[in-house]
C-alpha atoms as a PDB file:
ATOM      1  CA  MET A   1       0.000   0.000   0.000  1.00  0.00           C
ATOM      2  CA  ASP A   2       2.741   2.480   0.923  1.00  0.00           C
ATOM      3  CA  ASP A   3       4.498   1.996  -2.407  1.00  0.00           C
ATOM      4  CA  GLN A   4       1.288   2.564  -4.346  1.00  0.00           C
ATOM      5  CA  VAL A   5       0.481   5.737  -2.427  1.00  0.00           C
ATOM      6  CA  GLY A   6       4.023   6.910  -3.098  1.00  0.00           C
ATOM      7  CA  LYS A   7       3.526   6.373  -6.823  1.00  0.00           C
ATOM      8  CA  VAL A   8       0.346   8.433  -6.773  1.00  0.00           C
ATOM      9  CA  LEU A   9       2.019  11.244  -4.826  1.00  0.00           C
ATOM     10  CA  ASP A  10       5.048  11.195  -7.139  1.00  0.00           C
ATOM     11  CA  ALA A  11       2.798  11.445 -10.187  1.00  0.00           C
ATOM     12  CA  LEU A  12       0.884  14.290  -8.569  1.00  0.00           C
ATOM     13  CA  ASN A  13       4.096  16.151  -7.746  1.00  0.00           C
ATOM     14  CA  ASP A  14       5.221  15.771 -11.360  1.00  0.00           C
ATOM     15  CA  SER A  15       1.955  17.243 -12.637  1.00  0.00           C
ATOM     16  CA  LYS A  16       0.761  20.825 -12.854  1.00  0.00           C
ATOM     17  CA  PHE A  17      -1.910  20.100 -10.236  1.00  0.00           C
ATOM     18  CA  ALA A  18       0.365  19.574  -7.226  1.00  0.00           C
ATOM     19  CA  GLU A  19       0.152  23.188  -6.034  1.00  0.00           C
ATOM     20  CA  ASN A  20      -3.656  23.146  -5.865  1.00  0.00           C
ATOM     21  CA  THR A  21      -4.384  19.614  -4.705  1.00  0.00           C
ATOM     22  CA  MET A  22      -5.109  18.251  -1.258  1.00  0.00           C
ATOM     23  CA  VAL A  23      -4.690  14.522  -0.671  1.00  0.00           C
ATOM     24  CA  VAL A  24      -6.932  13.049   2.029  1.00  0.00           C
ATOM     25  CA  PHE A  25      -6.669   9.481   3.296  1.00  0.00           C
ATOM     26  CA  THR A  26      -9.657   7.877   4.969  1.00  0.00           C
ATOM     27  CA  ALA A  27     -10.378   4.450   6.380  1.00  0.00           C
ATOM     28  CA  ASP A  28     -13.260   2.651   7.999  1.00  0.00           C
ATOM     29  CA  ARG A  29     -11.140   1.297  10.848  1.00  0.00           C
ATOM     30  CA  GLY A  30     -10.795   2.749  14.333  1.00  0.00           C
ATOM     31  CA  TRP A  31      -7.514   1.029  15.182  1.00  0.00           C
ATOM     32  CA  ASN A  32      -5.434   4.190  14.862  1.00  0.00           C
ATOM     33  CA  PHE A  33      -7.548   6.320  17.163  1.00  0.00           C
ATOM     34  CA  GLY A  34      -7.038   4.404  20.383  1.00  0.00           C
ATOM     35  CA  GLU A  35     -10.226   2.345  20.427  1.00  0.00           C
ATOM     36  CA  LYS A  36      -8.170  -0.815  20.886  1.00  0.00           C
ATOM     37  CA  ASP A  37      -5.684   0.695  23.385  1.00  0.00           C
ATOM     38  CA  TYR A  38      -2.778   0.296  20.944  1.00  0.00           C
ATOM     39  CA  LEU A  39      -1.650   3.932  21.229  1.00  0.00           C
END
């Protein structure tokens, strides 16, 4: 997954749209917000 996201970001940075683009990542999991006491 990380490599694929990197490819997308590299392509965006090489384009004329990089200055006016916001990349937002979302997920349907709560694991990263402390619900499972992993933080």
